[in-house]
Structures are given as structure tokens and as C-alpha cells.
Amino acid sequence: MTDDLDVIRVPVIVANCPPGRITEDLYASAGGVRTIANQPNRTFAAQNGIVKCGGSWQQLGEKCFLAVAGSNRDWKDARSDCQTRAGTDLAVIPDQATTTFLQSMLAGVTSQYWVGLHDLPNENDFRWVDGQSLIDTNYTNWAPNQPNNGWLFSEDCVTFKPSNGKWNDAACDFGTRPYICERNSCK
């Protein structure tokens, strides 16, 4: 552990996390900021002193979100990558609070990110990867003139633009993008 941090060297409580959920050694540092051992530049917030997300995951209520920008993928590969991360899937944005949180989490980012909304296999029946329809969530945030099913492509997957929080339908397999994974937090 580096000497430039005032570290208490007491393990942070990780409440009811299944094995493998939080794989890094976590330590509490002075002032309420948590630091990952041997990686002092990576920090995260913990609610009530209990780590519920860990690592680079960011917490909103009982959900944890991870922006994956280093290895862009098409929508199906992005979803598959999220699903390999212990109980995750592409992010669901069911309300304005989640939109605002993701905008804050990705402040200054100009890329559009894949999220878990699609109209596969039924055109114009947009559903989240957890099975909820837009009617179920009673929330949409489409960009103007969206969804439009695109010019030459069948646009069945959806991107999120952090700068304005708007959604755009896009071709699932045309080009690659960063993406946002979501999972339940440890209780």
C-alpha cells in the first residue's frame, strides 16, 4: 500500500455478496472514501460504509452500473460480455433518476453506449433485457424522431447518449460501441 494514502487497513464490510461478486481486496481509507488495495487511483463510494458494488461499478440504490469503454462490441457481444460478469446484463433505464445517474457517471463522454433495450424479435415492441416493456416502466427518453428504424438497416437495439440522456435505435450488428452493464448490488 502506498504511503501517500491515510489508510486504516481494515477490511470494508461486504454485506451478503456471493463468492466472486467482489473479487478485489478492499480497504477503508480515512474520510469515508474506499480505495482498492494496490490500486490507489481507483475509488468508489459506499453507502453507509458498506460496499455494495465494488471496483469500478457505480451504485444507484440497489443497482450497480459499469461502463465498459475499452473493448467496443456490437450489441449481442456486449450483452454476452455483461452476462459473464456474475449476474449482470446490459443496463435497464426505467426512469429519469437512472438517466440522470448515468449522465453523471459518464459526464463529458460523447460516445453512445449500448443499453439493454431492443425490439428483437417483434418490430416496435421495445423491451428491456429483464423482460419489461416500455409500457411496464412508463418511461421513455427517445431522441427526436426516434425510434426510426434507420435508413438502410433494421435498427433493433438501442443506444444511450450520456450528453443528453436520449435513446436512439441502432443496428445491433453494424459497428461496435461501448456499453453499460447492470447488476443488483450486494445486500
C-alpha atoms as a PDB file:
ATOM      1  CA  MET A   1       0.000   0.000   0.000  1.00  0.00           C
ATOM      2  CA  THR A   2       1.373   3.389  -0.899  1.00  0.00           C
ATOM      3  CA  ASP A   3       2.360   5.815   1.881  1.00  0.00           C
ATOM      4  CA  ASP A   4       0.615   8.827   0.335  1.00  0.00           C
ATOM      5  CA  LEU A   5      -2.783   7.484   1.457  1.00  0.00           C
ATOM      6  CA  ASP A   6      -4.030   7.634   5.027  1.00  0.00           C
ATOM      7  CA  VAL A   7      -5.209   4.036   5.158  1.00  0.00           C
ATOM      8  CA  ILE A   8      -6.837   2.444   8.189  1.00  0.00           C
ATOM      9  CA  ARG A   9      -6.078  -1.060   6.786  1.00  0.00           C
ATOM     10  CA  VAL A  10      -9.347  -2.532   7.962  1.00  0.00           C
ATOM     11  CA  PRO A  11     -11.350  -4.630   5.502  1.00  0.00           C
ATOM     12  CA  VAL A  12     -14.505  -2.931   4.310  1.00  0.00           C
ATOM     13  CA  ILE A  13     -17.675  -4.842   5.140  1.00  0.00           C
ATOM     14  CA  VAL A  14     -19.034  -6.501   2.032  1.00  0.00           C
ATOM     15  CA  ALA A  15     -22.545  -7.484   3.012  1.00  0.00           C
ATOM     16  CA  ASN A  16     -24.036 -10.720   1.673  1.00  0.00           C
ATOM     17  CA  CYS A  17     -22.023 -10.805  -1.539  1.00  0.00           C
ATOM     18  CA  PRO A  18     -21.822 -14.170  -3.258  1.00  0.00           C
ATOM     19  CA  PRO A  19     -18.316 -15.537  -3.894  1.00  0.00           C
ATOM     20  CA  GLY A  20     -16.765 -13.901  -6.938  1.00  0.00           C
ATOM     21  CA  ARG A  21     -19.045 -10.845  -6.829  1.00  0.00           C
ATOM     22  CA  ILE A  22     -16.346  -8.602  -5.412  1.00  0.00           C
ATOM     23  CA  THR A  23     -13.033 -10.151  -6.273  1.00  0.00           C
ATOM     24  CA  GLU A  24     -10.633  -7.395  -5.294  1.00  0.00           C
ATOM     25  CA  ASP A  25      -9.287  -6.840  -1.783  1.00  0.00           C
ATOM     26  CA  LEU A  26     -10.946  -3.719  -0.469  1.00  0.00           C
ATOM     27  CA  TYR A  27      -9.795  -1.460   2.328  1.00  0.00           C
ATOM     28  CA  ALA A  28     -11.330   1.517   4.074  1.00  0.00           C
ATOM     29  CA  SER A  29      -9.398   4.742   3.979  1.00  0.00           C
ATOM     30  CA  ALA A  30      -9.789   7.798   6.171  1.00  0.00           C
ATOM     31  CA  GLY A  31     -12.546  10.232   5.287  1.00  0.00           C
ATOM     32  CA  GLY A  32     -15.077   7.721   4.011  1.00  0.00           C
ATOM     33  CA  VAL A  33     -13.555   7.131   0.564  1.00  0.00           C
ATOM     34  CA  ARG A  34     -12.809   3.494  -0.158  1.00  0.00           C
ATOM     35  CA  THR A  35      -9.667   2.514  -2.036  1.00  0.00           C
ATOM     36  CA  ILE A  36      -8.819  -0.728  -3.768  1.00  0.00           C
ATOM     37  CA  ALA A  37      -5.639  -2.257  -2.348  1.00  0.00           C
ATOM     38  CA  ASN A  38      -2.585  -1.722  -4.559  1.00  0.00           C
ATOM     39  CA  GLN A  39      -4.630   0.472  -6.898  1.00  0.00           C
ATOM     40  CA  PRO A  40      -4.934   3.815  -5.081  1.00  0.00           C
ATOM     41  CA  ASN A  41      -6.222   5.716  -8.120  1.00  0.00           C
ATOM     42  CA  ARG A  42      -9.415   3.622  -8.341  1.00  0.00           C
ATOM     43  CA  THR A  43     -12.026   4.795  -5.857  1.00  0.00           C
ATOM     44  CA  PHE A  44     -15.719   4.279  -5.310  1.00  0.00           C
ATOM     45  CA  ALA A  45     -18.421   5.422  -2.940  1.00  0.00           C
ATOM     46  CA  ALA A  46     -20.046   3.180  -0.379  1.00  0.00           C
ATOM     47  CA  GLN A  47     -23.431   3.787   1.184  1.00  0.00           C
ATOM     48  CA  ASN A  48     -23.449   3.604   4.988  1.00  0.00           C
ATOM     49  CA  GLY A  49     -19.868   2.311   4.998  1.00  0.00           C
ATOM     50  CA  ILE A  50     -20.855  -0.921   3.249  1.00  0.00           C
ATOM     51  CA  VAL A  51     -19.524  -1.795  -0.165  1.00  0.00           C
ATOM     52  CA  LYS A  52     -22.419  -2.868  -2.338  1.00  0.00           C
ATOM     53  CA  CYS A  53     -20.829  -2.653  -5.782  1.00  0.00           C
ATOM     54  CA  GLY A  54     -17.037  -2.572  -5.544  1.00  0.00           C
ATOM     55  CA  GLY A  55     -14.299  -1.935  -8.059  1.00  0.00           C
ATOM     56  CA  SER A  56     -15.284   0.301 -10.955  1.00  0.00           C
ATOM     57  CA  TRP A  57     -19.014  -0.365 -10.512  1.00  0.00           C
ATOM     58  CA  GLN A  58     -21.121   2.649  -9.533  1.00  0.00           C
ATOM     59  CA  GLN A  59     -24.129   2.355  -7.244  1.00  0.00           C
ATOM     60  CA  LEU A  60     -27.629   3.766  -7.580  1.00  0.00           C
ATOM     61  CA  GLY A  61     -29.961   2.393  -4.929  1.00  0.00           C
ATOM     62  CA  GLU A  62     -29.899  -1.392  -5.161  1.00  0.00           C
ATOM     63  CA  LYS A  63     -28.337  -1.411  -8.648  1.00  0.00           C
ATOM     64  CA  CYS A  64     -24.705  -1.311  -9.762  1.00  0.00           C
ATOM     65  CA  PHE A  65     -23.581   0.005 -13.149  1.00  0.00           C
ATOM     66  CA  LEU A  66     -20.339  -0.471 -15.070  1.00  0.00           C
ATOM     67  CA  ALA A  67     -19.401   1.495 -18.190  1.00  0.00           C
ATOM     68  CA  VAL A  68     -17.254  -0.675 -20.459  1.00  0.00           C
ATOM     69  CA  ALA A  69     -15.419   1.538 -22.923  1.00  0.00           C
ATOM     70  CA  GLY A  70     -12.110  -0.216 -23.532  1.00  0.00           C
ATOM     71  CA  SER A  71     -13.373  -3.008 -25.758  1.00  0.00           C
ATOM     72  CA  ASN A  72     -16.210  -1.859 -28.007  1.00  0.00           C
ATOM     73  CA  ARG A  73     -18.597  -4.571 -29.215  1.00  0.00           C
ATOM     74  CA  ASP A  74     -21.780  -4.987 -31.192  1.00  0.00           C
ATOM     75  CA  TRP A  75     -24.974  -5.229 -29.110  1.00  0.00           C
ATOM     76  CA  LYS A  76     -25.139  -9.023 -28.866  1.00  0.00           C
ATOM     77  CA  ASP A  77     -21.452  -9.350 -27.925  1.00  0.00           C
ATOM     78  CA  ALA A  78     -21.803  -6.508 -25.407  1.00  0.00           C
ATOM     79  CA  ARG A  79     -24.735  -8.308 -23.806  1.00  0.00           C
ATOM     80  CA  SER A  80     -22.800 -11.572 -23.745  1.00  0.00           C
ATOM     81  CA  ASP A  81     -19.833  -9.839 -22.093  1.00  0.00           C
ATOM     82  CA  CYS A  82     -22.096  -8.311 -19.440  1.00  0.00           C
ATOM     83  CA  GLN A  83     -23.660 -11.720 -18.753  1.00  0.00           C
ATOM     84  CA  THR A  84     -20.226 -13.216 -17.999  1.00  0.00           C
ATOM     85  CA  ARG A  85     -19.813 -10.762 -15.113  1.00  0.00           C
ATOM     86  CA  ALA A  86     -21.618 -12.642 -12.288  1.00  0.00           C
ATOM     87  CA  GLY A  87     -25.307 -11.900 -12.650  1.00  0.00           C
ATOM     88  CA  THR A  88     -25.211  -8.909 -14.955  1.00  0.00           C
ATOM     89  CA  ASP A  89     -26.828  -7.848 -18.195  1.00  0.00           C
ATOM     90  CA  LEU A  90     -26.961  -4.683 -20.270  1.00  0.00           C
ATOM     91  CA  ALA A  91     -28.355  -1.730 -18.321  1.00  0.00           C
ATOM     92  CA  VAL A  92     -32.064  -1.038 -17.910  1.00  0.00           C
ATOM     93  CA  ILE A  93     -33.095   2.633 -17.714  1.00  0.00           C
ATOM     94  CA  PRO A  94     -36.600   2.551 -16.218  1.00  0.00           C
ATOM     95  CA  ASP A  95     -36.830   6.156 -15.008  1.00  0.00           C
ATOM     96  CA  GLN A  96     -35.424   9.686 -15.055  1.00  0.00           C
ATOM     97  CA  ALA A  97     -33.394   9.053 -11.879  1.00  0.00           C
ATOM     98  CA  THR A  98     -31.420   6.316 -13.646  1.00  0.00           C
ATOM     99  CA  THR A  99     -30.957   8.530 -16.712  1.00  0.00           C
ATOM    100  CA  THR A 100     -29.605  11.362 -14.556  1.00  0.00           C
ATOM    101  CA  PHE A 101     -27.312   8.978 -12.671  1.00  0.00           C
ATOM    102  CA  LEU A 102     -25.857   7.512 -15.890  1.00  0.00           C
ATOM    103  CA  GLN A 103     -25.379  11.005 -17.325  1.00  0.00           C
ATOM    104  CA  SER A 104     -23.440  11.970 -14.206  1.00  0.00           C
ATOM    105  CA  MET A 105     -21.446   8.729 -14.278  1.00  0.00           C
ATOM    106  CA  LEU A 106     -20.458   9.385 -17.909  1.00  0.00           C
ATOM    107  CA  ALA A 107     -20.111  13.173 -17.739  1.00  0.00           C
ATOM    108  CA  GLY A 108     -18.044  14.539 -20.616  1.00  0.00           C
ATOM    109  CA  VAL A 109     -18.377  11.359 -22.699  1.00  0.00           C
ATOM    110  CA  THR A 110     -19.511  11.872 -26.277  1.00  0.00           C
ATOM    111  CA  SER A 111     -19.862   8.231 -27.408  1.00  0.00           C
ATOM    112  CA  GLN A 112     -23.220   6.489 -27.475  1.00  0.00           C
ATOM    113  CA  TYR A 113     -23.385   3.384 -25.243  1.00  0.00           C
ATOM    114  CA  TRP A 114     -25.372   0.202 -25.796  1.00  0.00           C
ATOM    115  CA  VAL A 115     -28.082  -0.392 -23.193  1.00  0.00           C
ATOM    116  CA  GLY A 116     -30.475  -3.291 -22.732  1.00  0.00           C
ATOM    117  CA  LEU A 117     -33.419  -2.029 -24.779  1.00  0.00           C
ATOM    118  CA  HIS A 118     -34.352  -3.746 -28.058  1.00  0.00           C
ATOM    119  CA  ASP A 119     -37.258  -4.727 -30.284  1.00  0.00           C
ATOM    120  CA  LEU A 120     -35.989  -8.233 -31.074  1.00  0.00           C
ATOM    121  CA  PRO A 121     -37.887 -10.236 -32.308  1.00  0.00           C
ATOM    122  CA  ASN A 122     -41.021  -8.061 -32.653  1.00  0.00           C
ATOM    123  CA  GLU A 123     -40.576  -4.781 -34.514  1.00  0.00           C
ATOM    124  CA  ASN A 124     -41.597  -1.701 -32.461  1.00  0.00           C
ATOM    125  CA  ASP A 125     -42.239  -3.805 -29.327  1.00  0.00           C
ATOM    126  CA  PHE A 126     -39.310  -2.407 -27.362  1.00  0.00           C
ATOM    127  CA  ARG A 127     -38.404  -4.391 -24.261  1.00  0.00           C
ATOM    128  CA  TRP A 128     -35.632  -4.249 -21.709  1.00  0.00           C
ATOM    129  CA  VAL A 129     -33.391  -7.284 -21.279  1.00  0.00           C
ATOM    130  CA  ASP A 130     -35.186  -8.036 -17.981  1.00  0.00           C
ATOM    131  CA  GLY A 131     -38.437  -8.505 -19.948  1.00  0.00           C
ATOM    132  CA  GLN A 132     -40.108  -5.194 -19.035  1.00  0.00           C
ATOM    133  CA  SER A 133     -41.802  -3.299 -21.841  1.00  0.00           C
ATOM    134  CA  LEU A 134     -41.771   0.474 -22.093  1.00  0.00           C
ATOM    135  CA  ILE A 135     -45.408   0.336 -21.008  1.00  0.00           C
ATOM    136  CA  ASP A 136     -44.328  -1.552 -17.853  1.00  0.00           C
ATOM    137  CA  THR A 137     -41.788   1.109 -16.913  1.00  0.00           C
ATOM    138  CA  ASN A 138     -43.977   4.005 -18.095  1.00  0.00           C
ATOM    139  CA  TYR A 139     -40.814   5.834 -19.148  1.00  0.00           C
ATOM    140  CA  THR A 140     -39.205   6.663 -22.488  1.00  0.00           C
ATOM    141  CA  ASN A 141     -36.489   9.097 -23.440  1.00  0.00           C
ATOM    142  CA  TRP A 142     -36.180   8.854 -27.200  1.00  0.00           C
ATOM    143  CA  ALA A 143     -34.176  11.439 -29.127  1.00  0.00           C
ATOM    144  CA  PRO A 144     -36.285  13.482 -31.584  1.00  0.00           C
ATOM    145  CA  ASN A 145     -37.585  11.369 -34.494  1.00  0.00           C
ATOM    146  CA  GLN A 146     -36.606   8.115 -32.752  1.00  0.00           C
ATOM    147  CA  PRO A 147     -37.094   5.258 -32.979  1.00  0.00           C
ATOM    148  CA  ASN A 148     -36.907   5.454 -36.751  1.00  0.00           C
ATOM    149  CA  ASN A 149     -35.622   2.002 -37.746  1.00  0.00           C
ATOM    150  CA  GLY A 150     -32.819   3.661 -39.675  1.00  0.00           C
ATOM    151  CA  TRP A 151     -32.006   4.338 -43.234  1.00  0.00           C
ATOM    152  CA  LEU A 152     -30.647   1.067 -44.727  1.00  0.00           C
ATOM    153  CA  PHE A 153     -30.588  -1.152 -41.676  1.00  0.00           C
ATOM    154  CA  SER A 154     -33.061  -2.773 -39.393  1.00  0.00           C
ATOM    155  CA  GLU A 155     -32.415  -0.918 -36.151  1.00  0.00           C
ATOM    156  CA  ASP A 156     -33.478  -3.224 -33.333  1.00  0.00           C
ATOM    157  CA  CYS A 157     -31.094  -2.256 -30.496  1.00  0.00           C
ATOM    158  CA  VAL A 158     -30.814   0.967 -28.527  1.00  0.00           C
ATOM    159  CA  THR A 159     -28.010   3.320 -27.557  1.00  0.00           C
ATOM    160  CA  PHE A 160     -27.849   5.871 -24.733  1.00  0.00           C
ATOM    161  CA  LYS A 161     -26.163   9.235 -25.298  1.00  0.00           C
ATOM    162  CA  PRO A 162     -24.734  10.485 -21.977  1.00  0.00           C
ATOM    163  CA  SER A 163     -24.563  14.143 -23.021  1.00  0.00           C
ATOM    164  CA  ASN A 164     -28.351  14.450 -23.272  1.00  0.00           C
ATOM    165  CA  GLY A 165     -29.641  11.157 -21.850  1.00  0.00           C
ATOM    166  CA  LYS A 166     -31.553  10.378 -25.049  1.00  0.00           C
ATOM    167  CA  TRP A 167     -32.068   6.995 -26.727  1.00  0.00           C
ATOM    168  CA  ASN A 168     -31.538   6.087 -30.360  1.00  0.00           C
ATOM    169  CA  ASP A 169     -32.367   2.848 -32.137  1.00  0.00           C
ATOM    170  CA  ALA A 170     -29.389   1.414 -33.999  1.00  0.00           C
ATOM    171  CA  ALA A 171     -28.457  -1.686 -35.977  1.00  0.00           C
ATOM    172  CA  CYS A 172     -27.424  -4.340 -33.445  1.00  0.00           C
ATOM    173  CA  ASP A 173     -24.545  -5.664 -35.525  1.00  0.00           C
ATOM    174  CA  PHE A 174     -23.424  -2.650 -37.535  1.00  0.00           C
ATOM    175  CA  GLY A 175     -20.342  -1.243 -35.838  1.00  0.00           C
ATOM    176  CA  THR A 176     -19.181  -1.508 -32.266  1.00  0.00           C
ATOM    177  CA  ARG A 177     -19.742   0.725 -29.264  1.00  0.00           C
ATOM    178  CA  PRO A 178     -19.004   0.952 -25.570  1.00  0.00           C
ATOM    179  CA  TYR A 179     -21.754  -0.390 -23.305  1.00  0.00           C
ATOM    180  CA  ILE A 180     -23.205  -0.240 -19.816  1.00  0.00           C
ATOM    181  CA  CYS A 181     -23.651  -3.350 -17.663  1.00  0.00           C
ATOM    182  CA  GLU A 182     -26.002  -3.534 -14.680  1.00  0.00           C
ATOM    183  CA  ARG A 183     -26.412  -5.923 -11.762  1.00  0.00           C
ATOM    184  CA  ASN A 184     -28.095  -5.980  -8.394  1.00  0.00           C
ATOM    185  CA  SER A 185     -25.954  -4.672  -5.554  1.00  0.00           C
ATOM    186  CA  CYS A 186     -24.954  -6.917  -2.684  1.00  0.00           C
ATOM    187  CA  LYS A 187     -27.479  -6.586   0.094  1.00  0.00           C
END
